[in-house]
Each structure stands twice: as structure tokens, then as C-alpha cells.
Amino acid sequence: MQCPFCSHLEDKVVDSRLSKEGEVIRRRRECLHCQRRFTTYERVEEIFPMVIKKDGRREPFDRHKIFSGLKKACEKRPVSVDLLEAVVTRIEKKIQEMGETEIESRVVGEEVMRQLHAIDQVAYVRFASVYREFKDVNQFMSELKALLGEQGQEKQGVGGQGSGVGEIKNKK
């Protein structure tokens, strides 16, 4: 591994640790020339399908794009970055298991919505409003009514983990 400080090609591994999920190895290295330490991360390179956009364009699957969309939807919500990372990893695994070389963006978006629905309903509605391109408040209300209907079926008036949806229902 090339040292990022002096560009020397020889180093020694000082410490190796496996991530909690077992998918990444973190290695602390020491350059044999300048003795400075640096960290590298090693993960299996996976081949993801191309994503077919609504307009027919194709672009590579982008983990960061999903993460940033989730992060924006969960802004000012009680959802940790670690949980968002885990959600992205679940989405990646699901897409990987499909074994397709191409996948429609709709499939990715629906999986993101399914995952968000399970963790934070306010974030789910935020994401849905952008993803489904709500044009007016009626579309927004339809989504909320569907969500409240599901919630009523599961438990009378009890929202998901800090969802805030139950509060809307109780104010009527």
C-alpha cells in the first residue's frame, strides 16, 4: 500500500479490526520509510446493477445517493446515522440478492420507502412527497390517511417509534 504521506510502497499492518457487521476490515498501517501511521478500509467489491431512471437513462447504483436521500428525509428526526447506514446496507443486500444486471429506479425507491416506513413515519412521508412528486396538499393528505389507516389497524392510535403520526390523529 502506498503511503499517503511519502508515497513509499512498503508498510506494515499494526492493527486489524473487523466491523460490527463483519463486512469491512479496518487496518492501521505504519510506513516503513517515514514511520507515519494511516488507516485503510477493506471491503469486498460487489457488482451492483445499473439503475434505469424514469427517463430511460442508466446510471450506476449509488449507495451515497440513497444515504443522502434517507438523511434528508430523517433531518431533525430521532434517527441515528448508524441506523441509516444499516438501512442502506439492507437495501444494498436486497438489490444484490435480486441478481439483476439492471434495475428500475422505481424498485430502489419503493424499497427505500418500505425501510423508512418501518423506522420513522414522518421521514417516510417526507421521502414519499419528493419520490412520488406530490403536486398538491391532497396527495400529501392521501398518503397520511393511508398511513393513519395502517396505524389504526396495527394498534388503535399508537404511532411507530417517535413517528409523530399518532399526534396528528389525536388532534382531529
N, C-alpha and C. Protein backbone atom coordinates (compact mmCIF):
# COMPACT_ATOMS: atom_id res chain seq x y z
N MET A 1 0.86 -1.18 0.00
CA MET A 1 0.00 0.00 0.00
C MET A 1 0.90 1.24 0.00
N GLN A 2 0.58 2.18 -0.84
CA GLN A 2 1.37 3.40 -0.95
C GLN A 2 1.06 4.34 0.22
N CYS A 3 2.10 4.82 0.87
CA CYS A 3 1.95 5.75 1.99
C CYS A 3 1.37 7.07 1.47
N PRO A 4 0.31 7.57 2.10
CA PRO A 4 -0.28 8.83 1.65
C PRO A 4 0.59 10.06 1.97
N PHE A 5 1.62 9.86 2.80
CA PHE A 5 2.46 10.98 3.21
C PHE A 5 3.75 11.09 2.39
N CYS A 6 4.41 9.94 2.18
CA CYS A 6 5.71 9.99 1.47
C CYS A 6 5.72 9.17 0.18
N SER A 7 4.64 8.47 -0.12
CA SER A 7 4.46 7.66 -1.33
C SER A 7 5.31 6.39 -1.36
N HIS A 8 5.96 6.06 -0.26
CA HIS A 8 6.73 4.82 -0.17
C HIS A 8 5.77 3.63 -0.27
N LEU A 9 6.21 2.54 -0.89
CA LEU A 9 5.33 1.40 -1.14
C LEU A 9 5.37 0.30 -0.09
N GLU A 10 6.20 0.44 0.91
CA GLU A 10 6.29 -0.62 1.92
C GLU A 10 5.76 -0.13 3.26
N ASP A 11 4.91 -0.97 3.86
CA ASP A 11 4.37 -0.64 5.18
C ASP A 11 4.14 -1.93 5.94
N LYS A 12 3.81 -1.80 7.21
CA LYS A 12 3.42 -2.98 7.98
C LYS A 12 2.07 -2.71 8.63
N VAL A 13 1.29 -3.77 8.78
CA VAL A 13 -0.02 -3.66 9.41
C VAL A 13 0.19 -3.74 10.92
N VAL A 14 -0.27 -2.71 11.62
CA VAL A 14 -0.10 -2.61 13.06
C VAL A 14 -1.31 -3.19 13.79
N ASP A 15 -2.50 -3.00 13.21
CA ASP A 15 -3.72 -3.47 13.85
C ASP A 15 -4.78 -3.73 12.78
N SER A 16 -5.57 -4.78 12.95
CA SER A 16 -6.69 -5.09 12.05
C SER A 16 -7.92 -5.35 12.90
N ARG A 17 -9.04 -4.76 12.47
CA ARG A 17 -10.30 -4.99 13.19
C ARG A 17 -11.43 -5.19 12.19
N LEU A 18 -12.32 -6.10 12.53
CA LEU A 18 -13.49 -6.38 11.72
C LEU A 18 -14.63 -5.47 12.20
N SER A 19 -15.41 -4.90 11.28
CA SER A 19 -16.54 -4.06 11.67
C SER A 19 -17.59 -4.90 12.37
N LYS A 20 -18.54 -4.23 13.04
CA LYS A 20 -19.61 -4.93 13.75
C LYS A 20 -20.39 -5.86 12.83
N GLU A 21 -20.64 -5.40 11.61
CA GLU A 21 -21.42 -6.19 10.66
C GLU A 21 -20.58 -7.26 9.98
N GLY A 22 -19.27 -7.20 10.15
CA GLY A 22 -18.39 -8.19 9.54
C GLY A 22 -18.15 -7.97 8.06
N GLU A 23 -18.46 -6.77 7.57
CA GLU A 23 -18.34 -6.51 6.14
C GLU A 23 -17.11 -5.67 5.77
N VAL A 24 -16.49 -5.05 6.75
CA VAL A 24 -15.36 -4.17 6.49
C VAL A 24 -14.24 -4.50 7.47
N ILE A 25 -13.01 -4.50 6.96
CA ILE A 25 -11.85 -4.67 7.81
C ILE A 25 -11.11 -3.33 7.86
N ARG A 26 -10.87 -2.84 9.08
CA ARG A 26 -10.12 -1.60 9.28
C ARG A 26 -8.69 -1.99 9.63
N ARG A 27 -7.74 -1.44 8.91
CA ARG A 27 -6.33 -1.75 9.18
C ARG A 27 -5.55 -0.48 9.48
N ARG A 28 -4.80 -0.50 10.58
CA ARG A 28 -3.87 0.58 10.88
C ARG A 28 -2.53 0.14 10.33
N ARG A 29 -1.92 1.00 9.53
CA ARG A 29 -0.65 0.68 8.89
C ARG A 29 0.41 1.70 9.29
N GLU A 30 1.64 1.26 9.24
CA GLU A 30 2.76 2.15 9.52
C GLU A 30 3.74 2.07 8.35
N CYS A 31 4.07 3.23 7.81
CA CYS A 31 5.01 3.30 6.70
C CYS A 31 6.40 2.92 7.20
N LEU A 32 7.10 2.07 6.45
CA LEU A 32 8.44 1.65 6.85
C LEU A 32 9.50 2.70 6.52
N HIS A 33 9.10 3.73 5.76
CA HIS A 33 10.04 4.78 5.39
C HIS A 33 9.93 5.99 6.33
N CYS A 34 8.73 6.56 6.47
CA CYS A 34 8.57 7.78 7.29
C CYS A 34 7.99 7.50 8.68
N GLN A 35 7.61 6.26 8.95
CA GLN A 35 7.06 5.80 10.23
C GLN A 35 5.71 6.44 10.61
N ARG A 36 5.06 7.12 9.68
CA ARG A 36 3.75 7.69 9.99
C ARG A 36 2.69 6.60 9.82
N ARG A 37 1.61 6.76 10.56
CA ARG A 37 0.53 5.76 10.52
C ARG A 37 -0.66 6.28 9.73
N PHE A 38 -1.35 5.35 9.09
CA PHE A 38 -2.56 5.68 8.35
C PHE A 38 -3.50 4.49 8.41
N THR A 39 -4.76 4.76 8.09
CA THR A 39 -5.81 3.74 8.19
C THR A 39 -6.34 3.41 6.80
N THR A 40 -6.56 2.13 6.57
CA THR A 40 -7.21 1.70 5.33
C THR A 40 -8.42 0.86 5.69
N TYR A 41 -9.37 0.83 4.78
CA TYR A 41 -10.58 0.02 4.95
C TYR A 41 -10.68 -0.93 3.77
N GLU A 42 -10.98 -2.17 4.09
CA GLU A 42 -11.06 -3.19 3.06
C GLU A 42 -12.46 -3.81 3.07
N ARG A 43 -13.08 -3.86 1.90
CA ARG A 43 -14.39 -4.50 1.78
C ARG A 43 -14.46 -5.22 0.45
N VAL A 44 -15.31 -6.21 0.38
CA VAL A 44 -15.49 -6.97 -0.84
C VAL A 44 -16.10 -6.05 -1.89
N GLU A 45 -15.54 -6.05 -3.07
CA GLU A 45 -16.10 -5.24 -4.15
C GLU A 45 -17.27 -6.00 -4.75
N GLU A 46 -18.41 -5.38 -4.66
CA GLU A 46 -19.61 -6.02 -5.18
C GLU A 46 -20.02 -5.32 -6.48
N ILE A 47 -20.55 -6.10 -7.37
CA ILE A 47 -21.02 -5.55 -8.64
C ILE A 47 -22.53 -5.31 -8.49
N PHE A 48 -22.91 -4.05 -8.58
CA PHE A 48 -24.31 -3.69 -8.46
C PHE A 48 -24.90 -3.44 -9.84
N PRO A 49 -26.21 -3.60 -9.95
CA PRO A 49 -26.85 -3.38 -11.25
C PRO A 49 -26.87 -1.90 -11.64
N MET A 50 -27.06 -1.66 -12.92
CA MET A 50 -27.29 -0.31 -13.40
C MET A 50 -28.73 0.05 -13.05
N VAL A 51 -28.96 1.31 -12.71
CA VAL A 51 -30.29 1.77 -12.36
C VAL A 51 -30.89 2.48 -13.57
N ILE A 52 -32.07 2.03 -13.97
CA ILE A 52 -32.76 2.64 -15.11
C ILE A 52 -33.67 3.73 -14.56
N LYS A 53 -33.37 4.98 -14.89
CA LYS A 53 -34.12 6.13 -14.41
C LYS A 53 -35.45 6.24 -15.16
N LYS A 54 -36.35 7.10 -14.65
CA LYS A 54 -37.68 7.29 -15.27
C LYS A 54 -37.57 7.70 -16.74
N ASP A 55 -36.55 8.50 -17.06
CA ASP A 55 -36.41 8.99 -18.44
C ASP A 55 -35.64 8.02 -19.34
N GLY A 56 -35.30 6.83 -18.81
CA GLY A 56 -34.62 5.82 -19.60
C GLY A 56 -33.10 5.83 -19.49
N ARG A 57 -32.54 6.89 -18.88
CA ARG A 57 -31.09 6.92 -18.68
C ARG A 57 -30.69 5.79 -17.73
N ARG A 58 -29.45 5.36 -17.87
CA ARG A 58 -28.91 4.35 -16.97
C ARG A 58 -27.73 4.94 -16.22
N GLU A 59 -27.69 4.67 -14.92
CA GLU A 59 -26.54 5.13 -14.13
C GLU A 59 -26.20 4.06 -13.11
N PRO A 60 -24.96 4.04 -12.66
CA PRO A 60 -24.56 3.02 -11.69
C PRO A 60 -25.31 3.18 -10.37
N PHE A 61 -25.57 2.06 -9.71
CA PHE A 61 -26.17 2.10 -8.38
C PHE A 61 -25.25 2.92 -7.49
N ASP A 62 -25.83 3.81 -6.68
CA ASP A 62 -25.03 4.73 -5.86
C ASP A 62 -25.50 4.70 -4.40
N ARG A 63 -24.73 4.02 -3.57
CA ARG A 63 -25.03 3.91 -2.14
C ARG A 63 -25.16 5.29 -1.50
N HIS A 64 -24.26 6.18 -1.89
CA HIS A 64 -24.24 7.53 -1.30
C HIS A 64 -25.53 8.29 -1.61
N LYS A 65 -26.06 8.09 -2.80
CA LYS A 65 -27.29 8.78 -3.21
C LYS A 65 -28.46 8.33 -2.33
N ILE A 66 -28.53 7.04 -2.04
CA ILE A 66 -29.58 6.52 -1.16
C ILE A 66 -29.40 7.06 0.25
N PHE A 67 -28.16 7.03 0.74
CA PHE A 67 -27.88 7.52 2.08
C PHE A 67 -28.26 9.00 2.22
N SER A 68 -27.89 9.82 1.23
CA SER A 68 -28.19 11.24 1.34
C SER A 68 -29.70 11.50 1.27
N GLY A 69 -30.44 10.72 0.49
CA GLY A 69 -31.89 10.84 0.46
C GLY A 69 -32.52 10.48 1.79
N LEU A 70 -32.02 9.41 2.40
CA LEU A 70 -32.50 9.00 3.73
C LEU A 70 -32.17 10.06 4.77
N LYS A 71 -30.96 10.58 4.69
CA LYS A 71 -30.50 11.59 5.65
C LYS A 71 -31.38 12.84 5.58
N LYS A 72 -31.69 13.26 4.38
CA LYS A 72 -32.54 14.44 4.19
C LYS A 72 -33.95 14.18 4.74
N ALA A 73 -34.51 13.00 4.47
CA ALA A 73 -35.84 12.66 4.96
C ALA A 73 -35.87 12.58 6.48
N CYS A 74 -34.76 12.18 7.09
CA CYS A 74 -34.70 11.99 8.54
C CYS A 74 -34.14 13.21 9.28
N GLU A 75 -33.95 14.30 8.57
CA GLU A 75 -33.41 15.51 9.18
C GLU A 75 -34.31 15.94 10.35
N LYS A 76 -33.69 16.24 11.48
CA LYS A 76 -34.38 16.66 12.71
C LYS A 76 -35.35 15.61 13.24
N ARG A 77 -35.05 14.35 12.93
CA ARG A 77 -35.83 13.23 13.43
C ARG A 77 -34.92 12.39 14.32
N PRO A 78 -35.48 11.61 15.25
CA PRO A 78 -34.65 10.80 16.15
C PRO A 78 -34.15 9.52 15.50
N VAL A 79 -33.42 9.68 14.39
CA VAL A 79 -32.89 8.53 13.66
C VAL A 79 -31.37 8.71 13.56
N SER A 80 -30.63 7.74 14.07
CA SER A 80 -29.17 7.85 14.09
C SER A 80 -28.55 7.58 12.73
N VAL A 81 -27.36 8.10 12.54
CA VAL A 81 -26.61 7.85 11.31
C VAL A 81 -26.30 6.36 11.19
N ASP A 82 -26.02 5.71 12.31
CA ASP A 82 -25.76 4.27 12.29
C ASP A 82 -26.96 3.49 11.76
N LEU A 83 -28.16 3.91 12.16
CA LEU A 83 -29.37 3.25 11.68
C LEU A 83 -29.53 3.48 10.18
N LEU A 84 -29.25 4.70 9.73
CA LEU A 84 -29.34 4.99 8.29
C LEU A 84 -28.35 4.14 7.50
N GLU A 85 -27.13 3.99 8.02
CA GLU A 85 -26.12 3.13 7.38
C GLU A 85 -26.62 1.69 7.29
N ALA A 86 -27.24 1.22 8.37
CA ALA A 86 -27.77 -0.15 8.38
C ALA A 86 -28.89 -0.31 7.36
N VAL A 87 -29.73 0.72 7.22
CA VAL A 87 -30.82 0.68 6.25
C VAL A 87 -30.25 0.60 4.84
N VAL A 88 -29.24 1.42 4.55
CA VAL A 88 -28.62 1.40 3.22
C VAL A 88 -28.02 0.03 2.94
N THR A 89 -27.38 -0.55 3.94
CA THR A 89 -26.79 -1.88 3.79
C THR A 89 -27.87 -2.92 3.49
N ARG A 90 -29.01 -2.83 4.18
CA ARG A 90 -30.13 -3.77 3.91
C ARG A 90 -30.64 -3.60 2.49
N ILE A 91 -30.76 -2.35 2.05
CA ILE A 91 -31.23 -2.09 0.68
C ILE A 91 -30.25 -2.66 -0.33
N GLU A 92 -28.95 -2.43 -0.09
CA GLU A 92 -27.92 -2.97 -0.99
C GLU A 92 -28.02 -4.49 -1.07
N LYS A 93 -28.15 -5.14 0.08
CA LYS A 93 -28.23 -6.60 0.11
C LYS A 93 -29.44 -7.10 -0.66
N LYS A 94 -30.57 -6.44 -0.46
CA LYS A 94 -31.80 -6.85 -1.15
C LYS A 94 -31.62 -6.73 -2.67
N ILE A 95 -31.02 -5.64 -3.12
CA ILE A 95 -30.78 -5.43 -4.55
C ILE A 95 -29.78 -6.46 -5.07
N GLN A 96 -28.75 -6.72 -4.30
CA GLN A 96 -27.73 -7.70 -4.67
C GLN A 96 -28.35 -9.09 -4.82
N GLU A 97 -29.26 -9.43 -3.90
CA GLU A 97 -29.91 -10.76 -3.93
C GLU A 97 -30.80 -10.95 -5.16
N MET A 98 -31.27 -9.85 -5.74
CA MET A 98 -32.11 -9.95 -6.94
C MET A 98 -31.33 -10.54 -8.11
N GLY A 99 -30.02 -10.31 -8.11
CA GLY A 99 -29.16 -10.87 -9.15
C GLY A 99 -29.34 -10.28 -10.53
N GLU A 100 -29.92 -9.11 -10.63
CA GLU A 100 -30.17 -8.47 -11.92
C GLU A 100 -28.98 -7.61 -12.35
N THR A 101 -28.83 -7.43 -13.66
CA THR A 101 -27.78 -6.53 -14.15
C THR A 101 -28.31 -5.10 -14.29
N GLU A 102 -29.65 -4.98 -14.38
CA GLU A 102 -30.29 -3.67 -14.43
C GLU A 102 -31.53 -3.72 -13.55
N ILE A 103 -31.83 -2.56 -12.94
CA ILE A 103 -32.99 -2.48 -12.06
C ILE A 103 -33.63 -1.10 -12.23
N GLU A 104 -34.94 -1.05 -12.24
CA GLU A 104 -35.62 0.24 -12.39
C GLU A 104 -35.49 1.05 -11.10
N SER A 105 -35.36 2.36 -11.25
CA SER A 105 -35.23 3.23 -10.08
C SER A 105 -36.46 3.11 -9.18
N ARG A 106 -37.60 2.78 -9.76
CA ARG A 106 -38.84 2.60 -9.00
C ARG A 106 -38.66 1.50 -7.94
N VAL A 107 -37.97 0.42 -8.29
CA VAL A 107 -37.76 -0.70 -7.36
C VAL A 107 -36.90 -0.23 -6.18
N VAL A 108 -35.87 0.54 -6.48
CA VAL A 108 -35.00 1.07 -5.42
C VAL A 108 -35.80 2.02 -4.54
N GLY A 109 -36.54 2.94 -5.15
CA GLY A 109 -37.32 3.91 -4.40
C GLY A 109 -38.36 3.27 -3.50
N GLU A 110 -39.04 2.24 -4.01
CA GLU A 110 -40.05 1.56 -3.20
C GLU A 110 -39.42 0.84 -2.01
N GLU A 111 -38.23 0.29 -2.21
CA GLU A 111 -37.54 -0.37 -1.09
C GLU A 111 -37.11 0.66 -0.05
N VAL A 112 -36.63 1.81 -0.49
CA VAL A 112 -36.28 2.89 0.45
C VAL A 112 -37.52 3.27 1.25
N MET A 113 -38.65 3.42 0.58
CA MET A 113 -39.89 3.80 1.27
C MET A 113 -40.31 2.72 2.27
N ARG A 114 -40.19 1.46 1.87
CA ARG A 114 -40.55 0.36 2.77
C ARG A 114 -39.69 0.39 4.04
N GLN A 115 -38.40 0.61 3.86
CA GLN A 115 -37.49 0.67 5.01
C GLN A 115 -37.80 1.88 5.90
N LEU A 116 -38.04 3.05 5.28
CA LEU A 116 -38.37 4.25 6.05
C LEU A 116 -39.68 4.09 6.82
N HIS A 117 -40.65 3.46 6.19
CA HIS A 117 -41.94 3.24 6.83
C HIS A 117 -41.76 2.50 8.15
N ALA A 118 -40.81 1.58 8.19
CA ALA A 118 -40.57 0.78 9.38
C ALA A 118 -39.83 1.54 10.48
N ILE A 119 -39.04 2.56 10.11
CA ILE A 119 -38.23 3.22 11.15
C ILE A 119 -38.77 4.57 11.60
N ASP A 120 -39.38 5.35 10.71
CA ASP A 120 -39.88 6.68 11.09
C ASP A 120 -40.92 7.14 10.08
N GLN A 121 -42.14 7.24 10.53
CA GLN A 121 -43.23 7.54 9.61
C GLN A 121 -43.21 8.97 9.09
N VAL A 122 -42.71 9.91 9.89
CA VAL A 122 -42.60 11.29 9.40
C VAL A 122 -41.57 11.34 8.27
N ALA A 123 -40.44 10.68 8.47
CA ALA A 123 -39.42 10.62 7.42
C ALA A 123 -39.97 9.92 6.18
N TYR A 124 -40.79 8.91 6.40
CA TYR A 124 -41.43 8.19 5.29
C TYR A 124 -42.28 9.14 4.45
N VAL A 125 -43.11 9.95 5.11
CA VAL A 125 -43.98 10.88 4.38
C VAL A 125 -43.15 11.94 3.67
N ARG A 126 -42.09 12.42 4.32
CA ARG A 126 -41.21 13.40 3.67
C ARG A 126 -40.62 12.82 2.39
N PHE A 127 -40.08 11.61 2.50
CA PHE A 127 -39.47 10.96 1.34
C PHE A 127 -40.52 10.73 0.26
N ALA A 128 -41.69 10.24 0.66
CA ALA A 128 -42.76 9.95 -0.29
C ALA A 128 -43.17 11.21 -1.05
N SER A 129 -43.22 12.35 -0.37
CA SER A 129 -43.65 13.58 -1.03
C SER A 129 -42.71 13.99 -2.16
N VAL A 130 -41.43 13.70 -1.99
CA VAL A 130 -40.46 14.01 -3.05
C VAL A 130 -40.43 12.88 -4.08
N TYR A 131 -40.34 11.65 -3.61
CA TYR A 131 -40.22 10.50 -4.50
C TYR A 131 -41.45 10.36 -5.41
N ARG A 132 -42.63 10.52 -4.84
CA ARG A 132 -43.86 10.37 -5.62
C ARG A 132 -44.30 11.69 -6.26
N GLU A 133 -43.49 12.72 -6.07
CA GLU A 133 -43.72 14.03 -6.69
C GLU A 133 -45.12 14.57 -6.43
N PHE A 134 -45.46 14.70 -5.15
CA PHE A 134 -46.76 15.26 -4.79
C PHE A 134 -46.90 16.65 -5.41
N LYS A 135 -48.02 16.88 -6.06
CA LYS A 135 -48.26 18.16 -6.72
C LYS A 135 -49.08 19.12 -5.85
N ASP A 136 -49.87 18.54 -4.92
CA ASP A 136 -50.68 19.40 -4.06
C ASP A 136 -50.89 18.74 -2.70
N VAL A 137 -51.53 19.48 -1.81
CA VAL A 137 -51.73 19.01 -0.45
C VAL A 137 -52.66 17.79 -0.40
N ASN A 138 -53.54 17.63 -1.38
CA ASN A 138 -54.44 16.47 -1.40
C ASN A 138 -53.67 15.16 -1.53
N GLN A 139 -52.62 15.15 -2.36
CA GLN A 139 -51.80 13.95 -2.48
C GLN A 139 -51.10 13.66 -1.16
N PHE A 140 -50.65 14.71 -0.51
CA PHE A 140 -49.99 14.58 0.79
C PHE A 140 -50.97 13.99 1.80
N MET A 141 -52.19 14.51 1.82
CA MET A 141 -53.21 14.03 2.76
C MET A 141 -53.59 12.58 2.48
N SER A 142 -53.65 12.21 1.21
CA SER A 142 -53.96 10.82 0.87
C SER A 142 -52.93 9.87 1.47
N GLU A 143 -51.67 10.24 1.36
CA GLU A 143 -50.60 9.41 1.93
C GLU A 143 -50.72 9.34 3.45
N LEU A 144 -51.02 10.46 4.08
CA LEU A 144 -51.20 10.48 5.53
C LEU A 144 -52.39 9.62 5.95
N LYS A 145 -53.49 9.73 5.22
CA LYS A 145 -54.69 8.92 5.55
C LYS A 145 -54.38 7.44 5.43
N ALA A 146 -53.65 7.05 4.40
CA ALA A 146 -53.28 5.64 4.24
C ALA A 146 -52.40 5.19 5.40
N LEU A 147 -51.47 6.05 5.79
CA LEU A 147 -50.57 5.75 6.90
C LEU A 147 -51.36 5.64 8.20
N LEU A 148 -52.28 6.57 8.43
CA LEU A 148 -53.10 6.54 9.64
C LEU A 148 -54.02 5.33 9.65
N GLY A 149 -54.51 4.93 8.49
CA GLY A 149 -55.35 3.75 8.40
C GLY A 149 -54.59 2.49 8.78
N GLU A 150 -53.34 2.38 8.29
CA GLU A 150 -52.49 1.24 8.64
C GLU A 150 -52.23 1.24 10.13
N GLN A 151 -51.95 2.42 10.66
CA GLN A 151 -51.62 2.57 12.06
C GLN A 151 -52.81 2.16 12.93
N GLY A 152 -54.00 2.55 12.53
CA GLY A 152 -55.20 2.20 13.27
C GLY A 152 -55.44 0.71 13.29
N GLN A 153 -55.08 0.05 12.20
CA GLN A 153 -55.25 -1.40 12.13
C GLN A 153 -54.26 -2.11 13.04
N GLU A 154 -53.02 -1.59 13.11
CA GLU A 154 -51.99 -2.24 13.93
C GLU A 154 -52.32 -2.09 15.41
N LYS A 155 -52.49 -0.84 15.87
CA LYS A 155 -52.85 -0.55 17.26
C LYS A 155 -53.61 0.75 17.27
N GLN A 156 -54.66 0.80 17.97
CA GLN A 156 -55.51 1.99 17.99
C GLN A 156 -54.75 3.21 18.50
N GLY A 157 -54.38 4.14 17.56
CA GLY A 157 -53.78 5.43 17.93
C GLY A 157 -52.35 5.42 18.39
N VAL A 158 -51.61 4.30 18.25
CA VAL A 158 -50.22 4.26 18.69
C VAL A 158 -49.32 4.33 17.47
N GLY A 159 -48.46 5.35 17.43
CA GLY A 159 -47.55 5.53 16.29
C GLY A 159 -46.32 4.67 16.42
N GLY A 160 -45.53 4.66 15.37
CA GLY A 160 -44.26 3.95 15.38
C GLY A 160 -43.27 4.70 16.24
N GLN A 161 -42.09 4.23 16.30
CA GLN A 161 -41.00 4.75 17.10
C GLN A 161 -40.83 6.25 16.88
N GLY A 162 -41.41 7.08 17.75
CA GLY A 162 -41.26 8.53 17.65
C GLY A 162 -41.79 9.09 16.35
N SER A 163 -42.85 8.49 15.82
CA SER A 163 -43.30 8.85 14.49
C SER A 163 -44.00 10.19 14.40
N GLY A 164 -44.69 10.60 15.45
CA GLY A 164 -45.42 11.86 15.39
C GLY A 164 -46.75 11.72 14.66
N VAL A 165 -47.02 10.58 14.04
CA VAL A 165 -48.24 10.40 13.28
C VAL A 165 -49.43 10.27 14.21
N GLY A 166 -49.28 9.58 15.33
CA GLY A 166 -50.35 9.43 16.30
C GLY A 166 -50.83 10.79 16.80
N GLU A 167 -49.93 11.75 16.94
CA GLU A 167 -50.29 13.07 17.41
C GLU A 167 -51.23 13.75 16.42
N ILE A 168 -51.00 13.56 15.13
CA ILE A 168 -51.87 14.15 14.12
C ILE A 168 -53.27 13.56 14.26
N LYS A 169 -53.33 12.26 14.44
CA LYS A 169 -54.61 11.57 14.53
C LYS A 169 -55.40 12.04 15.75
N ASN A 170 -54.71 12.22 16.89
CA ASN A 170 -55.38 12.60 18.12
C ASN A 170 -55.88 14.04 18.11
N LYS A 171 -55.38 14.89 17.23
CA LYS A 171 -55.78 16.29 17.19
C LYS A 171 -57.08 16.50 16.44
N LYS A 172 -57.54 15.50 15.71
CA LYS A 172 -58.77 15.65 14.91
C LYS A 172 -60.00 15.67 15.78
